[in-house]
C-alpha atoms as a PDB file:
ATOM      1  CA  MET A   1     122.253  89.575 119.445  1.00  0.00           C
ATOM      2  CA  ALA A   2     119.425  86.797 120.288  1.00  0.00           C
ATOM      3  CA  ARG A   3     120.570  83.087 119.714  1.00  0.00           C
ATOM      4  CA  LYS A   4     119.052  81.031 117.190  1.00  0.00           C
ATOM      5  CA  LYS A   5     116.113  78.845 118.341  1.00  0.00           C
ATOM      6  CA  SER A   6     117.140  75.268 117.900  1.00  0.00           C
ATOM      7  CA  PRO A   7     114.888  72.477 116.820  1.00  0.00           C
ATOM      8  CA  HIS A   8     116.365  70.150 119.325  1.00  0.00           C
ATOM      9  CA  PHE A   9     116.352  69.929 122.967  1.00  0.00           C
ATOM     10  CA  THR A  10     118.830  72.138 125.309  1.00  0.00           C
ATOM     11  CA  ASP A  11     120.227  70.485 128.511  1.00  0.00           C
ATOM     12  CA  ALA A  12     117.518  72.253 130.281  1.00  0.00           C
ATOM     13  CA  GLU A  13     114.752  71.598 127.658  1.00  0.00           C
ATOM     14  CA  LEU A  14     115.300  67.749 128.129  1.00  0.00           C
ATOM     15  CA  ARG A  15     115.352  67.424 132.091  1.00  0.00           C
ATOM     16  CA  LEU A  16     112.118  69.128 131.806  1.00  0.00           C
ATOM     17  CA  MET A  17     110.792  66.598 129.340  1.00  0.00           C
ATOM     18  CA  ASP A  18     112.352  63.593 131.166  1.00  0.00           C
ATOM     19  CA  VAL A  19     109.718  64.453 133.781  1.00  0.00           C
ATOM     20  CA  LEU A  20     106.754  65.064 131.732  1.00  0.00           C
ATOM     21  CA  TRP A  21     107.606  61.505 129.698  1.00  0.00           C
ATOM     22  CA  LYS A  22     107.733  60.031 133.064  1.00  0.00           C
ATOM     23  CA  LYS A  23     104.498  61.494 134.554  1.00  0.00           C
ATOM     24  CA  GLY A  24     102.724  61.858 131.085  1.00  0.00           C
ATOM     25  CA  SER A  25     101.312  65.284 132.324  1.00  0.00           C
ATOM     26  CA  ALA A  26     102.586  67.734 134.886  1.00  0.00           C
ATOM     27  CA  THR A  27     101.924  71.323 136.237  1.00  0.00           C
ATOM     28  CA  VAL A  28     104.731  73.458 136.804  1.00  0.00           C
ATOM     29  CA  ALA A  29     105.004  72.570 140.314  1.00  0.00           C
ATOM     30  CA  ASP A  30     104.770  68.517 139.513  1.00  0.00           C
ATOM     31  CA  VAL A  31     107.556  69.017 137.249  1.00  0.00           C
ATOM     32  CA  LEU A  32     109.660  71.318 139.795  1.00  0.00           C
ATOM     33  CA  ASP A  33     108.739  68.164 142.465  1.00  0.00           C
ATOM     34  CA  GLY A  34     110.115  65.778 139.475  1.00  0.00           C
ATOM     35  CA  LEU A  35     113.364  67.224 138.831  1.00  0.00           C
ATOM     36  CA  LYS A  36     116.340  65.808 140.536  1.00  0.00           C
ATOM     37  CA  THR A  37     118.538  69.196 139.867  1.00  0.00           C
ATOM     38  CA  LYS A  38     120.374  70.698 142.844  1.00  0.00           C
ATOM     39  CA  PRO A  39     120.195  73.726 143.480  1.00  0.00           C
ATOM     40  CA  ALA A  40     116.345  73.301 142.436  1.00  0.00           C
ATOM     41  CA  LEU A  41     115.296  75.418 139.563  1.00  0.00           C
ATOM     42  CA  ALA A  42     113.208  78.632 139.934  1.00  0.00           C
ATOM     43  CA  TYR A  43     109.366  78.281 139.582  1.00  0.00           C
ATOM     44  CA  SER A  44     109.509  81.221 136.510  1.00  0.00           C
ATOM     45  CA  THR A  45     112.606  79.395 134.903  1.00  0.00           C
ATOM     46  CA  VAL A  46     110.287  75.965 134.635  1.00  0.00           C
ATOM     47  CA  ILE A  47     107.681  78.210 133.471  1.00  0.00           C
ATOM     48  CA  THR A  48     109.537  80.060 130.875  1.00  0.00           C
ATOM     49  CA  THR A  49     111.429  76.519 129.581  1.00  0.00           C
ATOM     50  CA  LEU A  50     108.004  74.654 129.183  1.00  0.00           C
ATOM     51  CA  ARG A  51     106.422  77.767 127.050  1.00  0.00           C
ATOM     52  CA  ILE A  52     109.767  77.486 125.177  1.00  0.00           C
ATOM     53  CA  LEU A  53     109.153  73.991 124.479  1.00  0.00           C
ATOM     54  CA  GLU A  54     105.396  74.990 123.576  1.00  0.00           C
ATOM     55  CA  THR A  55     106.959  77.097 121.015  1.00  0.00           C
ATOM     56  CA  LYS A  56     108.904  74.404 119.658  1.00  0.00           C
ATOM     57  CA  GLY A  57     105.898  72.108 119.371  1.00  0.00           C
ATOM     58  CA  TYR A  58     107.224  69.490 122.043  1.00  0.00           C
ATOM     59  CA  VAL A  59     104.639  70.289 124.709  1.00  0.00           C
ATOM     60  CA  SER A  60     101.014  71.349 125.002  1.00  0.00           C
ATOM     61  CA  HIS A  61      98.985  72.794 127.943  1.00  0.00           C
ATOM     62  CA  THR A  62      95.390  72.710 129.278  1.00  0.00           C
ATOM     63  CA  LYS A  63      94.124  75.066 131.667  1.00  0.00           C
ATOM     64  CA  GLU A  64      92.680  73.288 134.937  1.00  0.00           C
ATOM     65  CA  GLY A  65      91.413  75.935 137.338  1.00  0.00           C
ATOM     66  CA  ARG A  66      94.233  78.257 137.960  1.00  0.00           C
ATOM     67  CA  ALA A  67      97.108  75.865 137.047  1.00  0.00           C
ATOM     68  CA  PHE A  68      98.260  75.131 133.573  1.00  0.00           C
ATOM     69  CA  THR A  69      98.940  71.070 132.741  1.00  0.00           C
ATOM     70  CA  TYR A  70     101.586  70.304 130.394  1.00  0.00           C
ATOM     71  CA  GLN A  71     101.625  67.330 128.239  1.00  0.00           C
ATOM     72  CA  PRO A  72     104.324  65.947 125.675  1.00  0.00           C
ATOM     73  CA  LEU A  73     103.312  65.843 122.010  1.00  0.00           C
ATOM     74  CA  ILE A  74     106.744  64.099 121.284  1.00  0.00           C
ATOM     75  CA  GLY A  75     107.554  60.671 123.061  1.00  0.00           C
ATOM     76  CA  ARG A  76     110.919  59.533 124.190  1.00  0.00           C
ATOM     77  CA  ASP A  77     111.590  57.128 121.331  1.00  0.00           C
ATOM     78  CA  GLU A  78     110.959  59.910 118.407  1.00  0.00           C
ATOM     79  CA  ALA A  79     113.133  62.202 120.394  1.00  0.00           C
ATOM     80  CA  ARG A  80     115.905  59.889 120.583  1.00  0.00           C
ATOM     81  CA  GLN A  81     115.397  58.908 116.931  1.00  0.00           C
ATOM     82  CA  SER A  82     115.474  62.613 115.731  1.00  0.00           C
ATOM     83  CA  ALA A  83     118.769  63.084 117.852  1.00  0.00           C
ATOM     84  CA  ILE A  84     120.276  60.491 116.258  1.00  0.00           C
ATOM     85  CA  THR A  85     119.470  61.793 112.705  1.00  0.00           C
ATOM     86  CA  HIS A  86     120.676  65.097 113.268  1.00  0.00           C
ATOM     87  CA  LEU A  87     124.195  63.397 114.820  1.00  0.00           C
ATOM     88  CA  LEU A  88     124.128  61.548 112.023  1.00  0.00           C
ATOM     89  CA  GLN A  89     124.117  64.315 109.472  1.00  0.00           C
ATOM     90  CA  ARG A  90     125.908  66.700 111.552  1.00  0.00           C
ATOM     91  CA  LEU A  91     129.122  64.289 112.267  1.00  0.00           C
ATOM     92  CA  PHE A  92     129.129  61.540 110.736  1.00  0.00           C
ATOM     93  CA  GLU A  93     128.398  62.506 107.184  1.00  0.00           C
ATOM     94  CA  GLY A  94     124.923  60.292 107.441  1.00  0.00           C
ATOM     95  CA  SER A  95     126.681  57.245 107.815  1.00  0.00           C
ATOM     96  CA  PRO A  96     125.298  54.912 110.802  1.00  0.00           C
ATOM     97  CA  GLU A  97     128.689  52.817 110.002  1.00  0.00           C
ATOM     98  CA  LEU A  98     130.662  55.629 111.126  1.00  0.00           C
ATOM     99  CA  LEU A  99     128.680  56.215 113.950  1.00  0.00           C
ATOM    100  CA  VAL A 100     129.123  52.450 115.291  1.00  0.00           C
ATOM    101  CA  THR A 101     132.373  52.385 114.196  1.00  0.00           C
ATOM    102  CA  SER A 102     133.325  55.452 116.211  1.00  0.00           C
ATOM    103  CA  LEU A 103     131.442  54.171 119.114  1.00  0.00           C
ATOM    104  CA  PHE A 104     133.452  50.608 119.266  1.00  0.00           C
ATOM    105  CA  GLU A 105     136.883  52.455 118.889  1.00  0.00           C
ATOM    106  CA  ASP A 106     136.087  54.765 121.722  1.00  0.00           C
ATOM    107  CA  ARG A 107     135.075  52.413 124.269  1.00  0.00           C
ATOM    108  CA  LYS A 108     135.443  48.729 125.274  1.00  0.00           C
ATOM    109  CA  ILE A 109     132.342  46.521 124.341  1.00  0.00           C
ATOM    110  CA  GLY A 110     131.732  43.944 127.099  1.00  0.00           C
ATOM    111  CA  ALA A 111     131.233  40.289 125.942  1.00  0.00           C
ATOM    112  CA  ALA A 112     127.572  40.391 126.772  1.00  0.00           C
ATOM    113  CA  GLU A 113     126.667  43.912 125.073  1.00  0.00           C
ATOM    114  CA  MET A 114     128.549  42.366 121.796  1.00  0.00           C
ATOM    115  CA  LYS A 115     126.412  39.450 121.836  1.00  0.00           C
ATOM    116  CA  ARG A 116     123.130  41.469 121.991  1.00  0.00           C
ATOM    117  CA  LEU A 117     124.558  43.716 119.412  1.00  0.00           C
ATOM    118  CA  ARG A 118     125.545  40.698 117.216  1.00  0.00           C
ATOM    119  CA  ASP A 119     122.099  39.031 117.903  1.00  0.00           C
ATOM    120  CA  LEU A 120     120.211  42.375 116.946  1.00  0.00           C
ATOM    121  CA  ILE A 121     122.211  42.467 113.693  1.00  0.00           C
ATOM    122  CA  GLU A 122     121.829  38.475 112.499  1.00  0.00           C
ATOM    123  CA  ALA A 123     118.034  38.917 113.558  1.00  0.00           C
ATOM    124  CA  GLY A 124     117.876  41.931 110.986  1.00  0.00           C
ATOM    125  CA  ASP A 125     115.552  43.373 113.845  1.00  0.00           C
ATOM    126  CA  THR A 126     117.332  46.666 114.760  1.00  0.00           C
ATOM    127  CA  GLY A 127     113.760  48.134 115.610  1.00  0.00           C
ATOM    128  CA  LYS A 128     113.453  46.906 118.968  1.00  0.00           C
ATOM    129  CA  LYS A 129     113.362  49.135 121.932  1.00  0.00           C
ATOM    130  CA  LYS A 130     116.358  49.489 124.599  1.00  0.00           C
ATOM    131  CA  GLU A 131     113.631  48.639 127.150  1.00  0.00           C
ATOM    132  CA  GLU A 132     113.197  45.336 125.456  1.00  0.00           C
ATOM    133  CA  MET A 133     116.668  44.359 125.505  1.00  0.00           C
ATOM    134  CA  PRO A 134     117.891  42.089 128.515  1.00  0.00           C
END
């Protein structure tokens, strides 16, 4: 029986998307060069996975000579938000509080990280991008 197509990224798809997000656009050869997996993936595996991503609506391609160049149609932040929403609904009853409580219970958070989180909460600006945080 065929596996149901997931609207979310598989691990393999996410690795390819990471390369596309870093490069902006890439040929299959460029994606292979950008992957850090050992052993390296087969060229045909990368093509198949990129086609699946295209079917899901996450990438598009243009033809340049004999090669296809793939571009992401969804940004990393949008993908993160979608994954968090999915996680909240499936495991935390849609409650951000349950998610955060779980994070605090399962690992120790250092004083510096706690201060940054407290500052964000107090400022009411939880929309800051991770890259903007020190």
